[in-house]
Structures are given as C-alpha cells and as structure tokens.
C-alpha atoms as a PDB file:
ATOM      1  CA  UNK A   1     -40.592 -24.038  24.081  1.00  0.00           C
ATOM      2  CA  UNK A   2     -37.549 -26.284  23.647  1.00  0.00           C
ATOM      3  CA  UNK A   3     -37.671 -25.734  19.893  1.00  0.00           C
ATOM      4  CA  UNK A   4     -37.075 -21.999  20.396  1.00  0.00           C
ATOM      5  CA  UNK A   5     -33.824 -22.662  22.285  1.00  0.00           C
ATOM      6  CA  UNK A   6     -32.279 -24.741  19.501  1.00  0.00           C
ATOM      7  CA  UNK A   7     -29.969 -22.901  17.096  1.00  0.00           C
ATOM      8  CA  UNK A   8     -31.872 -21.881  14.005  1.00  0.00           C
ATOM      9  CA  UNK A   9     -28.831 -21.253  11.834  1.00  0.00           C
ATOM     10  CA  UNK A  10     -25.123 -22.056  12.117  1.00  0.00           C
ATOM     11  CA  UNK A  11     -22.670 -19.990  10.087  1.00  0.00           C
ATOM     12  CA  UNK A  12     -18.984 -20.778   9.788  1.00  0.00           C
ATOM     13  CA  UNK A  13     -16.682 -17.816   9.192  1.00  0.00           C
ATOM     14  CA  UNK A  14     -12.921 -18.388   8.974  1.00  0.00           C
ATOM     15  CA  UNK A  15     -11.503 -17.601  12.391  1.00  0.00           C
ATOM     16  CA  UNK A  16     -14.962 -17.223  13.947  1.00  0.00           C
ATOM     17  CA  UNK A  17     -17.840 -19.443  14.953  1.00  0.00           C
ATOM     18  CA  UNK A  18     -21.251 -17.865  15.080  1.00  0.00           C
ATOM     19  CA  UNK A  19     -24.546 -19.480  16.088  1.00  0.00           C
ATOM     20  CA  UNK A  20     -27.807 -17.613  15.642  1.00  0.00           C
ATOM     21  CA  UNK A  21     -30.555 -18.386  18.139  1.00  0.00           C
ATOM     22  CA  UNK A  22     -33.108 -16.180  16.415  1.00  0.00           C
ATOM     23  CA  UNK A  23     -35.852 -17.762  14.343  1.00  0.00           C
ATOM     24  CA  UNK A  24     -35.922 -14.588  12.271  1.00  0.00           C
ATOM     25  CA  UNK A  25     -32.528 -13.748  10.767  1.00  0.00           C
ATOM     26  CA  UNK A  26     -33.408 -10.070  10.397  1.00  0.00           C
ATOM     27  CA  UNK A  27     -32.920  -9.733  14.179  1.00  0.00           C
ATOM     28  CA  UNK A  28     -29.512 -11.412  14.134  1.00  0.00           C
ATOM     29  CA  UNK A  29     -26.237  -9.586  13.601  1.00  0.00           C
ATOM     30  CA  UNK A  30     -23.232 -10.993  11.792  1.00  0.00           C
ATOM     31  CA  UNK A  31     -19.871 -11.099  13.508  1.00  0.00           C
ATOM     32  CA  UNK A  32     -18.084  -9.858  10.373  1.00  0.00           C
ATOM     33  CA  UNK A  33     -19.350  -8.658   7.008  1.00  0.00           C
ATOM     34  CA  UNK A  34     -17.551 -10.803   4.429  1.00  0.00           C
ATOM     35  CA  UNK A  35     -18.781  -8.923   1.356  1.00  0.00           C
ATOM     36  CA  UNK A  36     -17.750  -5.462   2.551  1.00  0.00           C
ATOM     37  CA  UNK A  37     -14.669  -5.800   4.784  1.00  0.00           C
ATOM     38  CA  UNK A  38     -13.260  -2.713   6.432  1.00  0.00           C
ATOM     39  CA  UNK A  39     -10.060  -1.134   5.116  1.00  0.00           C
ATOM     40  CA  UNK A  40      -8.200  -2.169   8.264  1.00  0.00           C
ATOM     41  CA  UNK A  41      -9.209  -5.830   7.763  1.00  0.00           C
ATOM     42  CA  UNK A  42      -8.206  -5.695   4.090  1.00  0.00           C
ATOM     43  CA  UNK A  43      -4.800  -4.252   4.992  1.00  0.00           C
ATOM     44  CA  UNK A  44      -4.122  -7.093   7.470  1.00  0.00           C
ATOM     45  CA  UNK A  45      -4.888  -9.897   5.034  1.00  0.00           C
ATOM     46  CA  UNK A  46      -2.310 -11.284   2.601  1.00  0.00           C
ATOM     47  CA  UNK A  47      -2.099  -9.468  -0.717  1.00  0.00           C
ATOM     48  CA  UNK A  48      -3.385 -12.503  -2.647  1.00  0.00           C
ATOM     49  CA  UNK A  49      -6.258 -13.272  -0.260  1.00  0.00           C
ATOM     50  CA  UNK A  50      -7.895  -9.846  -0.403  1.00  0.00           C
ATOM     51  CA  UNK A  51     -11.277  -9.318  -2.023  1.00  0.00           C
ATOM     52  CA  UNK A  52      -9.488  -7.391  -4.793  1.00  0.00           C
ATOM     53  CA  UNK A  53      -5.843  -8.404  -5.128  1.00  0.00           C
ATOM     54  CA  UNK A  54      -3.374  -5.536  -4.971  1.00  0.00           C
ATOM     55  CA  UNK A  55       0.322  -5.283  -4.081  1.00  0.00           C
ATOM     56  CA  UNK A  56       1.674  -3.814  -0.852  1.00  0.00           C
ATOM     57  CA  UNK A  57       4.393  -1.865  -2.687  1.00  0.00           C
ATOM     58  CA  UNK A  58       4.114   1.521  -4.382  1.00  0.00           C
ATOM     59  CA  UNK A  59       6.186   4.252  -6.016  1.00  0.00           C
ATOM     60  CA  UNK A  60       6.734   7.507  -4.186  1.00  0.00           C
ATOM     61  CA  UNK A  61       8.171  10.950  -4.845  1.00  0.00           C
ATOM     62  CA  UNK A  62      10.909  11.789  -2.323  1.00  0.00           C
ATOM     63  CA  UNK A  63      12.133  15.368  -1.890  1.00  0.00           C
ATOM     64  CA  UNK A  64      15.798  15.961  -1.107  1.00  0.00           C
ATOM     65  CA  UNK A  65      16.598  18.032   1.987  1.00  0.00           C
ATOM     66  CA  UNK A  66      19.500  19.944   0.453  1.00  0.00           C
ATOM     67  CA  UNK A  67      18.470  20.821  -3.110  1.00  0.00           C
ATOM     68  CA  UNK A  68      14.682  20.134  -2.959  1.00  0.00           C
ATOM     69  CA  UNK A  69      14.664  18.031  -6.142  1.00  0.00           C
ATOM     70  CA  UNK A  70      12.098  15.271  -6.382  1.00  0.00           C
ATOM     71  CA  UNK A  71      13.214  11.695  -7.084  1.00  0.00           C
ATOM     72  CA  UNK A  72      10.934   8.728  -7.777  1.00  0.00           C
ATOM     73  CA  UNK A  73      11.715   5.810  -5.445  1.00  0.00           C
ATOM     74  CA  UNK A  74      10.211   2.321  -5.146  1.00  0.00           C
ATOM     75  CA  UNK A  75       8.830   1.681  -1.641  1.00  0.00           C
ATOM     76  CA  UNK A  76      10.600  -1.681  -1.308  1.00  0.00           C
ATOM     77  CA  UNK A  77      13.891  -0.562  -2.864  1.00  0.00           C
ATOM     78  CA  UNK A  78      16.726  -3.063  -2.324  1.00  0.00           C
ATOM     79  CA  UNK A  79      19.591  -0.644  -2.936  1.00  0.00           C
ATOM     80  CA  UNK A  80      20.592   2.748  -1.543  1.00  0.00           C
ATOM     81  CA  UNK A  81      19.017   5.651  -3.467  1.00  0.00           C
ATOM     82  CA  UNK A  82      20.934   8.902  -3.878  1.00  0.00           C
ATOM     83  CA  UNK A  83      19.794  12.333  -5.053  1.00  0.00           C
ATOM     84  CA  UNK A  84      20.602  12.952  -8.716  1.00  0.00           C
ATOM     85  CA  UNK A  85      21.882  16.511  -8.172  1.00  0.00           C
ATOM     86  CA  UNK A  86      23.727  16.589  -4.850  1.00  0.00           C
ATOM     87  CA  UNK A  87      24.360  12.857  -4.178  1.00  0.00           C
ATOM     88  CA  UNK A  88      22.664  12.955  -0.764  1.00  0.00           C
ATOM     89  CA  UNK A  89      21.400   9.576   0.455  1.00  0.00           C
ATOM     90  CA  UNK A  90      17.568   9.502   0.306  1.00  0.00           C
ATOM     91  CA  UNK A  91      16.729   5.990   1.528  1.00  0.00           C
ATOM     92  CA  UNK A  92      18.380   2.795   2.709  1.00  0.00           C
ATOM     93  CA  UNK A  93      17.131  -0.760   2.132  1.00  0.00           C
ATOM     94  CA  UNK A  94      15.759  -2.959   4.894  1.00  0.00           C
ATOM     95  CA  UNK A  95      14.198  -6.400   4.695  1.00  0.00           C
ATOM     96  CA  UNK A  96      10.926  -4.899   3.499  1.00  0.00           C
ATOM     97  CA  UNK A  97       9.968  -1.249   3.104  1.00  0.00           C
ATOM     98  CA  UNK A  98      12.922   1.080   2.434  1.00  0.00           C
ATOM     99  CA  UNK A  99      13.786   3.464   5.277  1.00  0.00           C
ATOM    100  CA  UNK A 100      13.800   7.165   4.351  1.00  0.00           C
ATOM    101  CA  UNK A 101      16.434   9.453   5.822  1.00  0.00           C
ATOM    102  CA  UNK A 102      15.350  11.822   8.588  1.00  0.00           C
ATOM    103  CA  UNK A 103      13.637  14.934   7.311  1.00  0.00           C
ATOM    104  CA  UNK A 104      12.879  13.583   3.822  1.00  0.00           C
ATOM    105  CA  UNK A 105       9.275  14.111   2.806  1.00  0.00           C
ATOM    106  CA  UNK A 106       7.440  11.809   0.413  1.00  0.00           C
ATOM    107  CA  UNK A 107       4.073  11.245  -1.228  1.00  0.00           C
ATOM    108  CA  UNK A 108       2.620   8.135  -2.822  1.00  0.00           C
ATOM    109  CA  UNK A 109       2.203   8.181  -6.563  1.00  0.00           C
ATOM    110  CA  UNK A 110      -1.286   7.303  -7.765  1.00  0.00           C
ATOM    111  CA  UNK A 111      -2.464   6.088 -11.100  1.00  0.00           C
END
C-alpha cells in the first residue's frame, strides 16, 4: 500500500515541477507539451530560445491615406517614413515596433 503512494516518476520542466503518482504513465497528463508548444507560448519566448528560431520583425505594405499608394516599411523602422508621392508621414519610430499613423492600413509581407 505505501509503495503506491510514492511518486513513480519525477519530471522537471523549466518553470514547473511535476510529480506523477501513477504507476502507469498512460494515465498521467503532462503540465506542458515541450515538443509541440502552442503558438501563444512560442510568441512569449525569446526569439533565440524558440523551438525554431525566427525574428520578431517583419516587412509590411502600408497604404497611404491620401493617394492610396503602397510603400514597403520595416516593422521596427528607426526613422520616420514618408509617402513617396505626397510626402505624408506613414509611421514614426518608437523604442521597438514603429507606430503607424491613424487610419493607415497595413499587411505583413510573407515569403
């Protein structure tokens, strides 16, 4: 009887401590699946500590409010970006992601 109460398996997960009291591991449930993390968990982790390393930055197409031309802008731009045709300000730099002007629409570039 006392043998059944002892932990059968101890698993250390970074940030978690999980002890299984089941003799059969098929009945036990993991706290977190390390091989298939959710997209939300991947987004929270540092860009170099993800399962597949990828940057947080991206290029995007921004449409001007006045003349409707499309300009390619880097998401973490460190200078003010103006429209090529009408010289309207499209985005301003911040410490991280550039801030788009009100009303400007954008889409991420893929590929």
